[in-house]
């Protein structure tokens, strides 16, 4: 199992998160406010400098007003595309 922050798979997850934020029409700063975090926190997450645990990922989905299972499904689709 690859543990690096910068694996292809993790990069795909980061793209899904950034795309979801942009689709929600939010800037990093606006998402950060919803999360009670700083803009730099969101930036570090999107650049892969800061990993999210499952609870944090759920909080992000809630802040994006995107059902958690829908976000996970997007991630699964993105990861499956890499494997092909």
Protein backbone atom coordinates (compact mmCIF):
# COMPACT_ATOMS: atom_id res chain seq x y z
CA UNK A 1 0.00 0.00 0.00
CA UNK A 2 1.42 3.36 -1.07
CA UNK A 3 1.56 5.78 1.89
CA UNK A 4 2.82 8.87 0.06
CA UNK A 5 0.71 12.01 0.08
CA UNK A 6 1.34 12.37 -3.64
CA UNK A 7 0.25 9.00 -5.06
CA UNK A 8 -1.84 9.00 -8.26
CA UNK A 9 -4.78 7.74 -6.26
CA UNK A 10 -4.56 10.50 -3.69
CA UNK A 11 -4.20 13.05 -6.47
CA UNK A 12 -7.50 11.78 -7.90
CA UNK A 13 -9.19 12.27 -4.54
CA UNK A 14 -7.85 15.82 -4.35
CA UNK A 15 -9.23 16.60 -7.81
CA UNK A 16 -12.66 15.32 -6.75
CA UNK A 17 -12.59 17.52 -3.66
CA UNK A 18 -11.53 20.62 -5.58
CA UNK A 19 -14.08 19.96 -8.34
CA UNK A 20 -16.83 19.51 -5.73
CA UNK A 21 -15.89 22.81 -4.08
CA UNK A 22 -15.92 24.62 -7.40
CA UNK A 23 -19.23 23.01 -8.40
CA UNK A 24 -20.67 24.28 -5.12
CA UNK A 25 -19.58 27.76 -6.21
CA UNK A 26 -17.32 28.20 -3.20
CA UNK A 27 -13.88 29.71 -2.88
CA UNK A 28 -11.34 28.12 -0.57
CA UNK A 29 -12.01 30.93 1.89
CA UNK A 30 -15.78 30.35 1.84
CA UNK A 31 -15.34 26.61 2.38
CA UNK A 32 -12.90 27.32 5.19
CA UNK A 33 -15.47 29.55 6.91
CA UNK A 34 -18.06 26.79 6.71
CA UNK A 35 -15.56 24.35 8.20
CA UNK A 36 -14.40 26.73 10.92
CA UNK A 37 -10.88 26.50 9.53
CA UNK A 38 -8.45 28.85 7.80
CA UNK A 39 -8.17 29.27 4.04
CA UNK A 40 -4.66 27.82 4.29
CA UNK A 41 -6.16 24.61 5.74
CA UNK A 42 -8.32 24.16 2.62
CA UNK A 43 -5.37 25.06 0.39
CA UNK A 44 -3.14 22.49 2.10
CA UNK A 45 -5.83 19.84 1.73
CA UNK A 46 -6.29 20.56 -1.97
CA UNK A 47 -2.53 20.53 -2.59
CA UNK A 48 -2.09 17.26 -0.72
CA UNK A 49 -0.02 18.73 2.10
CA UNK A 50 -2.71 17.85 4.65
CA UNK A 51 -4.62 14.57 4.60
CA UNK A 52 -8.18 14.31 5.80
CA UNK A 53 -9.44 11.52 7.99
CA UNK A 54 -12.88 10.05 7.34
CA UNK A 55 -14.63 12.34 9.82
CA UNK A 56 -13.02 15.41 8.27
CA UNK A 57 -14.01 14.21 4.80
CA UNK A 58 -17.59 13.91 6.05
CA UNK A 59 -17.43 17.47 7.42
CA UNK A 60 -16.19 18.71 4.04
CA UNK A 61 -19.08 16.98 2.28
CA UNK A 62 -21.52 18.60 4.70
CA UNK A 63 -19.93 22.02 4.18
CA UNK A 64 -20.28 21.52 0.42
CA UNK A 65 -23.90 20.45 0.97
CA UNK A 66 -23.04 17.28 -0.92
CA UNK A 67 -24.29 14.00 0.57
CA UNK A 68 -21.34 12.05 1.96
CA UNK A 69 -22.16 8.89 0.02
CA UNK A 70 -22.36 10.90 -3.20
CA UNK A 71 -18.89 12.31 -2.55
CA UNK A 72 -17.53 8.85 -1.79
CA UNK A 73 -19.12 7.54 -5.01
CA UNK A 74 -17.36 10.29 -6.98
CA UNK A 75 -14.09 9.32 -5.37
CA UNK A 76 -14.68 5.63 -6.18
CA UNK A 77 -15.42 6.45 -9.83
CA UNK A 78 -12.30 8.60 -10.05
CA UNK A 79 -10.13 5.87 -8.50
CA UNK A 80 -11.60 3.19 -10.78
CA UNK A 81 -10.74 5.33 -13.83
CA UNK A 82 -7.08 5.39 -12.77
CA UNK A 83 -6.94 1.61 -12.52
CA UNK A 84 -8.13 1.14 -16.12
